[in-house]
PDB file of all heavy atoms in Angstrom:
ATOM      1  N   VAL A   1       4.496  -5.808 -11.738  1.00  0.00           N
ATOM      2  CA  VAL A   1       5.785  -5.385 -11.185  1.00  0.00           C
ATOM      3  C   VAL A   1       5.591  -4.911  -9.754  1.00  0.00           C
ATOM      4  O   VAL A   1       4.612  -4.234  -9.436  1.00  0.00           O
ATOM      5  CB  VAL A   1       6.383  -4.246 -12.042  1.00  0.00           C
ATOM      6  CG1 VAL A   1       7.602  -3.641 -11.365  1.00  0.00           C
ATOM      7  CG2 VAL A   1       6.755  -4.763 -13.429  1.00  0.00           C
ATOM      8  N   GLY A   2       6.529  -5.266  -8.881  1.00  0.00           N
ATOM      9  CA  GLY A   2       6.542  -4.771  -7.514  1.00  0.00           C
ATOM     10  C   GLY A   2       7.764  -3.899  -7.298  1.00  0.00           C
ATOM     11  O   GLY A   2       8.887  -4.334  -7.575  1.00  0.00           O
ATOM     12  N   LEU A   3       7.560  -2.670  -6.827  1.00  0.00           N
ATOM     13  CA  LEU A   3       8.655  -1.721  -6.625  1.00  0.00           C
ATOM     14  C   LEU A   3       8.856  -1.461  -5.132  1.00  0.00           C
ATOM     15  O   LEU A   3       7.925  -1.062  -4.428  1.00  0.00           O
ATOM     16  CB  LEU A   3       8.341  -0.405  -7.343  1.00  0.00           C
ATOM     17  CG  LEU A   3       9.319   0.749  -7.100  1.00  0.00           C
ATOM     18  CD1 LEU A   3      10.712   0.417  -7.632  1.00  0.00           C
ATOM     19  CD2 LEU A   3       8.791   2.043  -7.727  1.00  0.00           C
ATOM     20  N   LEU A   4      10.069  -1.687  -4.673  1.00  0.00           N
ATOM     21  CA  LEU A   4      10.480  -1.308  -3.326  1.00  0.00           C
ATOM     22  C   LEU A   4      11.538  -0.235  -3.500  1.00  0.00           C
ATOM     23  O   LEU A   4      12.704  -0.530  -3.772  1.00  0.00           O
ATOM     24  CB  LEU A   4      11.032  -2.509  -2.553  1.00  0.00           C
ATOM     25  CG  LEU A   4      11.462  -2.261  -1.112  1.00  0.00           C
ATOM     26  CD1 LEU A   4      10.298  -1.769  -0.272  1.00  0.00           C
ATOM     27  CD2 LEU A   4      12.057  -3.530  -0.503  1.00  0.00           C
ATOM     28  N   ALA A   5      11.122   1.020  -3.393  1.00  0.00           N
ATOM     29  CA  ALA A   5      11.985   2.151  -3.700  1.00  0.00           C
ATOM     30  C   ALA A   5      12.760   2.607  -2.479  1.00  0.00           C
ATOM     31  O   ALA A   5      12.549   2.129  -1.363  1.00  0.00           O
ATOM     32  CB  ALA A   5      11.140   3.302  -4.254  1.00  0.00           C
ATOM     33  N   HIS A   6      13.655   3.572  -2.709  1.00  0.00           N
ATOM     34  CA  HIS A   6      14.420   4.151  -1.598  1.00  0.00           C
ATOM     35  C   HIS A   6      13.475   4.805  -0.597  1.00  0.00           C
ATOM     36  O   HIS A   6      13.661   4.697   0.615  1.00  0.00           O
ATOM     37  CB  HIS A   6      15.419   5.169  -2.143  1.00  0.00           C
ATOM     38  CG  HIS A   6      16.246   5.835  -1.086  1.00  0.00           C
ATOM     39  ND1 HIS A   6      17.205   5.156  -0.363  1.00  0.00           N
ATOM     40  CD2 HIS A   6      16.254   7.111  -0.613  1.00  0.00           C
ATOM     41  CE1 HIS A   6      17.766   5.975   0.508  1.00  0.00           C
ATOM     42  NE2 HIS A   6      17.210   7.161   0.374  1.00  0.00           N
ATOM     43  N   GLU A   7      12.449   5.486  -1.090  1.00  0.00           N
ATOM     44  CA  GLU A   7      11.368   5.977  -0.247  1.00  0.00           C
ATOM     45  C   GLU A   7      10.291   4.895  -0.160  1.00  0.00           C
ATOM     46  O   GLU A   7      10.042   4.193  -1.153  1.00  0.00           O
ATOM     47  CB  GLU A   7      10.782   7.269  -0.816  1.00  0.00           C
ATOM     48  CG  GLU A   7      11.749   8.435  -0.847  1.00  0.00           C
ATOM     49  CD  GLU A   7      12.193   8.849   0.542  1.00  0.00           C
ATOM     50  OE1 GLU A   7      11.391   8.724   1.494  1.00  0.00           O
ATOM     51  OE2 GLU A   7      13.348   9.297   0.678  1.00  0.00           O
ATOM     52  N   PRO A   8       9.621   4.733   0.977  1.00  0.00           N
ATOM     53  CA  PRO A   8       8.730   3.582   1.160  1.00  0.00           C
ATOM     54  C   PRO A   8       7.432   3.622   0.355  1.00  0.00           C
ATOM     55  O   PRO A   8       6.738   2.618   0.277  1.00  0.00           O
ATOM     56  CB  PRO A   8       8.436   3.601   2.666  1.00  0.00           C
ATOM     57  CG  PRO A   8       8.666   5.015   3.090  1.00  0.00           C
ATOM     58  CD  PRO A   8       9.772   5.521   2.217  1.00  0.00           C
ATOM     59  N   LEU A   9       7.067   4.771  -0.234  1.00  0.00           N
ATOM     60  CA  LEU A   9       5.846   4.894  -1.037  1.00  0.00           C
ATOM     61  C   LEU A   9       4.599   4.532  -0.227  1.00  0.00           C
ATOM     62  O   LEU A   9       3.691   3.862  -0.704  1.00  0.00           O
ATOM     63  CB  LEU A   9       5.927   4.011  -2.294  1.00  0.00           C
ATOM     64  CG  LEU A   9       7.121   4.266  -3.211  1.00  0.00           C
ATOM     65  CD1 LEU A   9       7.085   3.312  -4.395  1.00  0.00           C
ATOM     66  CD2 LEU A   9       7.174   5.710  -3.670  1.00  0.00           C
ATOM     67  N   LEU A  10       4.603   4.999   1.033  1.00  0.00           N
ATOM     68  CA  LEU A  10       3.473   4.775   1.930  1.00  0.00           C
ATOM     69  C   LEU A  10       2.928   6.127   2.392  1.00  0.00           C
ATOM     70  O   LEU A  10       3.662   7.112   2.470  1.00  0.00           O
ATOM     71  CB  LEU A  10       3.910   3.962   3.152  1.00  0.00           C
ATOM     72  CG  LEU A  10       4.463   2.564   2.881  1.00  0.00           C
ATOM     73  CD1 LEU A  10       5.120   2.012   4.133  1.00  0.00           C
ATOM     74  CD2 LEU A  10       3.373   1.627   2.388  1.00  0.00           C
ATOM     75  N   TYR A  11       1.646   6.158   2.726  1.00  0.00           N
ATOM     76  CA  TYR A  11       1.025   7.357   3.272  1.00  0.00           C
ATOM     77  C   TYR A  11       1.288   7.410   4.776  1.00  0.00           C
ATOM     78  O   TYR A  11       0.812   6.567   5.535  1.00  0.00           O
ATOM     79  CB  TYR A  11      -0.470   7.353   2.965  1.00  0.00           C
ATOM     80  CG  TYR A  11      -0.768   7.447   1.497  1.00  0.00           C
ATOM     81  CD1 TYR A  11      -1.078   6.303   0.768  1.00  0.00           C
ATOM     82  CD2 TYR A  11      -0.724   8.670   0.839  1.00  0.00           C
ATOM     83  CE1 TYR A  11      -1.351   6.382  -0.596  1.00  0.00           C
ATOM     84  CE2 TYR A  11      -0.999   8.760  -0.528  1.00  0.00           C
ATOM     85  CZ  TYR A  11      -1.301   7.610  -1.236  1.00  0.00           C
ATOM     86  OH  TYR A  11      -1.554   7.687  -2.595  1.00  0.00           O
ATOM     87  N   ARG A  12       2.021   8.425   5.194  1.00  0.00           N
ATOM     88  CA  ARG A  12       2.512   8.484   6.577  1.00  0.00           C
ATOM     89  C   ARG A  12       1.398   8.626   7.607  1.00  0.00           C
ATOM     90  O   ARG A  12       1.524   8.157   8.729  1.00  0.00           O
ATOM     91  CB  ARG A  12       3.511   9.637   6.731  1.00  0.00           C
ATOM     92  CG  ARG A  12       4.846   9.368   6.066  1.00  0.00           C
ATOM     93  CD  ARG A  12       5.776  10.569   6.173  1.00  0.00           C
ATOM     94  NE  ARG A  12       5.876  11.099   7.514  1.00  0.00           N
ATOM     95  CZ  ARG A  12       6.653  10.602   8.475  1.00  0.00           C
ATOM     96  NH1 ARG A  12       7.384   9.525   8.222  1.00  0.00           N
ATOM     97  NH2 ARG A  12       6.695  11.164   9.663  1.00  0.00           N
ATOM     98  N   GLU A  13       0.305   9.275   7.247  1.00  0.00           N
ATOM     99  CA  GLU A  13      -0.776   9.485   8.207  1.00  0.00           C
ATOM    100  C   GLU A  13      -1.710   8.284   8.302  1.00  0.00           C
ATOM    101  O   GLU A  13      -2.513   8.191   9.228  1.00  0.00           O
ATOM    102  CB  GLU A  13      -1.579  10.735   7.843  1.00  0.00           C
ATOM    103  CG  GLU A  13      -0.772  12.020   7.886  1.00  0.00           C
ATOM    104  CD  GLU A  13      -0.132  12.256   9.249  1.00  0.00           C
ATOM    105  OE1 GLU A  13      -0.808  12.010  10.273  1.00  0.00           O
ATOM    106  OE2 GLU A  13       1.041  12.685   9.290  1.00  0.00           O
ATOM    107  N   LEU A  14      -1.612   7.376   7.359  1.00  0.00           N
ATOM    108  CA  LEU A  14      -2.421   6.160   7.400  1.00  0.00           C
ATOM    109  C   LEU A  14      -1.665   5.072   8.155  1.00  0.00           C
ATOM    110  O   LEU A  14      -0.437   5.086   8.240  1.00  0.00           O
ATOM    111  CB  LEU A  14      -2.754   5.678   5.995  1.00  0.00           C
ATOM    112  CG  LEU A  14      -3.583   6.610   5.106  1.00  0.00           C
ATOM    113  CD1 LEU A  14      -3.867   5.933   3.772  1.00  0.00           C
ATOM    114  CD2 LEU A  14      -4.882   7.006   5.795  1.00  0.00           C
ATOM    115  N   SER A  15      -2.398   4.113   8.662  1.00  0.00           N
ATOM    116  CA  SER A  15      -1.780   2.979   9.344  1.00  0.00           C
ATOM    117  C   SER A  15      -1.260   1.972   8.322  1.00  0.00           C
ATOM    118  O   SER A  15      -1.540   2.073   7.117  1.00  0.00           O
ATOM    119  CB  SER A  15      -2.794   2.300  10.258  1.00  0.00           C
ATOM    120  OG  SER A  15      -3.830   1.694   9.481  1.00  0.00           O
ATOM    121  N   ALA A  16      -0.520   0.996   8.821  1.00  0.00           N
ATOM    122  CA  ALA A  16      -0.015  -0.061   7.942  1.00  0.00           C
ATOM    123  C   ALA A  16      -1.166  -0.782   7.244  1.00  0.00           C
ATOM    124  O   ALA A  16      -1.133  -1.006   6.037  1.00  0.00           O
ATOM    125  CB  ALA A  16       0.825  -1.044   8.747  1.00  0.00           C
ATOM    126  N   VAL A  17      -2.194  -1.146   7.994  1.00  0.00           N
ATOM    127  CA  VAL A  17      -3.295  -1.888   7.394  1.00  0.00           C
ATOM    128  C   VAL A  17      -4.068  -1.011   6.410  1.00  0.00           C
ATOM    129  O   VAL A  17      -4.516  -1.495   5.354  1.00  0.00           O
ATOM    130  CB  VAL A  17      -4.226  -2.487   8.479  1.00  0.00           C
ATOM    131  CG1 VAL A  17      -5.003  -1.393   9.216  1.00  0.00           C
ATOM    132  CG2 VAL A  17      -5.182  -3.509   7.874  1.00  0.00           C
ATOM    133  N   GLN A  18      -4.205   0.279   6.691  1.00  0.00           N
ATOM    134  CA  GLN A  18      -4.893   1.168   5.757  1.00  0.00           C
ATOM    135  C   GLN A  18      -4.112   1.314   4.455  1.00  0.00           C
ATOM    136  O   GLN A  18      -4.691   1.333   3.368  1.00  0.00           O
ATOM    137  CB  GLN A  18      -5.118   2.530   6.401  1.00  0.00           C
ATOM    138  CG  GLN A  18      -6.188   2.528   7.476  1.00  0.00           C
ATOM    139  CD  GLN A  18      -6.245   3.836   8.248  1.00  0.00           C
ATOM    140  OE1 GLN A  18      -5.228   4.517   8.416  1.00  0.00           O
ATOM    141  NE2 GLN A  18      -7.430   4.194   8.713  1.00  0.00           N
ATOM    142  N   ASN A  19      -2.787   1.418   4.561  1.00  0.00           N
ATOM    143  CA  ASN A  19      -1.958   1.488   3.359  1.00  0.00           C
ATOM    144  C   ASN A  19      -2.116   0.225   2.509  1.00  0.00           C
ATOM    145  O   ASN A  19      -2.295   0.306   1.292  1.00  0.00           O
ATOM    146  CB  ASN A  19      -0.484   1.670   3.742  1.00  0.00           C
ATOM    147  CG  ASN A  19      -0.069   3.119   3.847  1.00  0.00           C
ATOM    148  OD1 ASN A  19       0.221   3.761   2.836  1.00  0.00           O
ATOM    149  ND2 ASN A  19      -0.028   3.626   5.070  1.00  0.00           N
ATOM    150  N   LEU A  20      -2.058  -0.920   3.148  1.00  0.00           N
ATOM    151  CA  LEU A  20      -2.171  -2.166   2.392  1.00  0.00           C
ATOM    152  C   LEU A  20      -3.572  -2.348   1.810  1.00  0.00           C
ATOM    153  O   LEU A  20      -3.724  -2.864   0.695  1.00  0.00           O
ATOM    154  CB  LEU A  20      -1.795  -3.359   3.269  1.00  0.00           C
ATOM    155  CG  LEU A  20      -0.332  -3.430   3.730  1.00  0.00           C
ATOM    156  CD1 LEU A  20      -0.055  -4.769   4.401  1.00  0.00           C
ATOM    157  CD2 LEU A  20       0.634  -3.210   2.578  1.00  0.00           C
ATOM    158  N   ARG A  21      -4.590  -1.932   2.544  1.00  0.00           N
ATOM    159  CA  ARG A  21      -5.952  -2.021   2.005  1.00  0.00           C
ATOM    160  C   ARG A  21      -6.114  -1.142   0.767  1.00  0.00           C
ATOM    161  O   ARG A  21      -6.777  -1.530  -0.202  1.00  0.00           O
ATOM    162  CB  ARG A  21      -6.962  -1.618   3.072  1.00  0.00           C
ATOM    163  CG  ARG A  21      -7.220  -2.693   4.112  1.00  0.00           C
ATOM    164  CD  ARG A  21      -8.066  -2.170   5.259  1.00  0.00           C
ATOM    165  NE  ARG A  21      -8.343  -3.227   6.235  1.00  0.00           N
ATOM    166  CZ  ARG A  21      -8.715  -2.995   7.483  1.00  0.00           C
ATOM    167  NH1 ARG A  21      -8.866  -1.734   7.916  1.00  0.00           N
ATOM    168  NH2 ARG A  21      -8.941  -3.994   8.304  1.00  0.00           N
ATOM    169  N   TYR A  22      -5.509   0.042   0.804  1.00  0.00           N
ATOM    170  CA  TYR A  22      -5.579   0.942  -0.351  1.00  0.00           C
ATOM    171  C   TYR A  22      -4.954   0.278  -1.572  1.00  0.00           C
ATOM    172  O   TYR A  22      -5.544   0.262  -2.666  1.00  0.00           O
ATOM    173  CB  TYR A  22      -4.864   2.256  -0.026  1.00  0.00           C
ATOM    174  CG  TYR A  22      -4.710   3.162  -1.216  1.00  0.00           C
ATOM    175  CD1 TYR A  22      -5.792   3.888  -1.698  1.00  0.00           C
ATOM    176  CD2 TYR A  22      -3.488   3.292  -1.856  1.00  0.00           C
ATOM    177  CE1 TYR A  22      -5.658   4.719  -2.797  1.00  0.00           C
ATOM    178  CE2 TYR A  22      -3.344   4.117  -2.954  1.00  0.00           C
ATOM    179  CZ  TYR A  22      -4.430   4.833  -3.421  1.00  0.00           C
ATOM    180  OH  TYR A  22      -4.289   5.648  -4.509  1.00  0.00           O
ATOM    181  N   HIS A  23      -3.766  -0.286  -1.415  1.00  0.00           N
ATOM    182  CA  HIS A  23      -3.100  -0.940  -2.543  1.00  0.00           C
ATOM    183  C   HIS A  23      -3.830  -2.214  -2.955  1.00  0.00           C
ATOM    184  O   HIS A  23      -3.844  -2.570  -4.143  1.00  0.00           O
ATOM    185  CB  HIS A  23      -1.639  -1.212  -2.199  1.00  0.00           C
ATOM    186  CG  HIS A  23      -0.790   0.015  -2.198  1.00  0.00           C
ATOM    187  ND1 HIS A  23      -0.311   0.595  -3.349  1.00  0.00           N
ATOM    188  CD2 HIS A  23      -0.359   0.807  -1.182  1.00  0.00           C
ATOM    189  CE1 HIS A  23       0.382   1.682  -3.052  1.00  0.00           C
ATOM    190  NE2 HIS A  23       0.376   1.819  -1.743  1.00  0.00           N
ATOM    191  N   ALA A  24      -4.415  -2.896  -2.008  1.00  0.00           N
ATOM    192  CA  ALA A  24      -5.191  -4.097  -2.336  1.00  0.00           C
ATOM    193  C   ALA A  24      -6.363  -3.748  -3.248  1.00  0.00           C
ATOM    194  O   ALA A  24      -6.654  -4.474  -4.218  1.00  0.00           O
ATOM    195  CB  ALA A  24      -5.689  -4.772  -1.065  1.00  0.00           C
ATOM    196  N   ARG A  25      -7.039  -2.639  -2.969  1.00  0.00           N
ATOM    197  CA  ARG A  25      -8.159  -2.224  -3.817  1.00  0.00           C
ATOM    198  C   ARG A  25      -7.687  -1.912  -5.235  1.00  0.00           C
ATOM    199  O   ARG A  25      -8.379  -2.228  -6.212  1.00  0.00           O
ATOM    200  CB  ARG A  25      -8.853  -1.007  -3.206  1.00  0.00           C
ATOM    201  CG  ARG A  25      -9.715  -1.331  -1.993  1.00  0.00           C
ATOM    202  CD  ARG A  25     -10.671  -0.201  -1.657  1.00  0.00           C
ATOM    203  NE  ARG A  25      -9.972   1.007  -1.267  1.00  0.00           N
ATOM    204  CZ  ARG A  25      -9.620   1.295  -0.009  1.00  0.00           C
ATOM    205  NH1 ARG A  25      -9.900   0.436   0.973  1.00  0.00           N
ATOM    206  NH2 ARG A  25      -8.986   2.427   0.273  1.00  0.00           N
ATOM    207  N   LEU A  26      -6.509  -1.307  -5.365  1.00  0.00           N
ATOM    208  CA  LEU A  26      -5.978  -1.000  -6.691  1.00  0.00           C
ATOM    209  C   LEU A  26      -5.773  -2.257  -7.526  1.00  0.00           C
ATOM    210  O   LEU A  26      -5.885  -2.218  -8.756  1.00  0.00           O
ATOM    211  CB  LEU A  26      -4.643  -0.248  -6.565  1.00  0.00           C
ATOM    212  CG  LEU A  26      -4.681   1.149  -5.956  1.00  0.00           C
ATOM    213  CD1 LEU A  26      -3.267   1.716  -5.873  1.00  0.00           C
ATOM    214  CD2 LEU A  26      -5.574   2.074  -6.770  1.00  0.00           C
ATOM    215  N   HIS A  27      -5.481  -3.366  -6.850  1.00  0.00           N
ATOM    216  CA  HIS A  27      -5.195  -4.621  -7.551  1.00  0.00           C
ATOM    217  C   HIS A  27      -6.342  -5.627  -7.463  1.00  0.00           C
ATOM    218  O   HIS A  27      -6.184  -6.781  -7.876  1.00  0.00           O
ATOM    219  CB  HIS A  27      -3.913  -5.245  -7.001  1.00  0.00           C
ATOM    220  CG  HIS A  27      -2.679  -4.436  -7.254  1.00  0.00           C
ATOM    221  ND1 HIS A  27      -2.070  -4.377  -8.493  1.00  0.00           N
ATOM    222  CD2 HIS A  27      -1.949  -3.624  -6.438  1.00  0.00           C
ATOM    223  CE1 HIS A  27      -1.011  -3.590  -8.429  1.00  0.00           C
ATOM    224  NE2 HIS A  27      -0.915  -3.121  -7.201  1.00  0.00           N
ATOM    225  N   GLY A  28      -7.475  -5.198  -6.917  1.00  0.00           N
ATOM    226  CA  GLY A  28      -8.626  -6.091  -6.836  1.00  0.00           C
ATOM    227  C   GLY A  28      -8.452  -7.230  -5.860  1.00  0.00           C
ATOM    228  O   GLY A  28      -8.999  -8.320  -6.063  1.00  0.00           O
ATOM    229  N   LEU A  29      -7.707  -6.994  -4.774  1.00  0.00           N
ATOM    230  CA  LEU A  29      -7.436  -8.033  -3.783  1.00  0.00           C
ATOM    231  C   LEU A  29      -8.324  -7.847  -2.563  1.00  0.00           C
ATOM    232  O   LEU A  29      -8.819  -6.759  -2.284  1.00  0.00           O
ATOM    233  CB  LEU A  29      -5.961  -7.982  -3.365  1.00  0.00           C
ATOM    234  CG  LEU A  29      -4.954  -8.140  -4.501  1.00  0.00           C
ATOM    235  CD1 LEU A  29      -3.545  -7.890  -3.997  1.00  0.00           C
ATOM    236  CD2 LEU A  29      -5.064  -9.523  -5.129  1.00  0.00           C
ATOM    237  N   ASP A  30      -8.490  -8.921  -1.801  1.00  0.00           N
ATOM    238  CA  ASP A  30      -9.408  -8.869  -0.673  1.00  0.00           C
ATOM    239  C   ASP A  30      -8.669  -8.714   0.657  1.00  0.00           C
ATOM    240  O   ASP A  30      -7.431  -8.709   0.715  1.00  0.00           O
ATOM    241  CB  ASP A  30     -10.314 -10.104  -0.644  1.00  0.00           C
ATOM    242  CG  ASP A  30      -9.521 -11.412  -0.556  1.00  0.00           C
ATOM    243  OD1 ASP A  30      -8.346 -11.387  -0.113  1.00  0.00           O
ATOM    244  OD2 ASP A  30     -10.082 -12.461  -0.912  1.00  0.00           O
ATOM    245  N   GLU A  31      -9.437  -8.613   1.744  1.00  0.00           N
ATOM    246  CA  GLU A  31      -8.886  -8.399   3.075  1.00  0.00           C
ATOM    247  C   GLU A  31      -8.002  -9.560   3.522  1.00  0.00           C
ATOM    248  O   GLU A  31      -7.019  -9.362   4.255  1.00  0.00           O
ATOM    249  CB  GLU A  31     -10.025  -8.199   4.075  1.00  0.00           C
ATOM    250  CG  GLU A  31      -9.598  -7.966   5.514  1.00  0.00           C
ATOM    251  CD  GLU A  31      -8.908  -6.634   5.729  1.00  0.00           C
ATOM    252  OE1 GLU A  31      -8.987  -5.768   4.828  1.00  0.00           O
ATOM    253  OE2 GLU A  31      -8.299  -6.446   6.803  1.00  0.00           O
TER     254      GLU A  31
END
């Protein structure tokens, strides 16, 4: 399931690429 909520569910102090890398690791995805 992919959730796009009213709040973005992103870490504000991290960059866009850091946020995506974090979620990629949770799902076993690569760079």
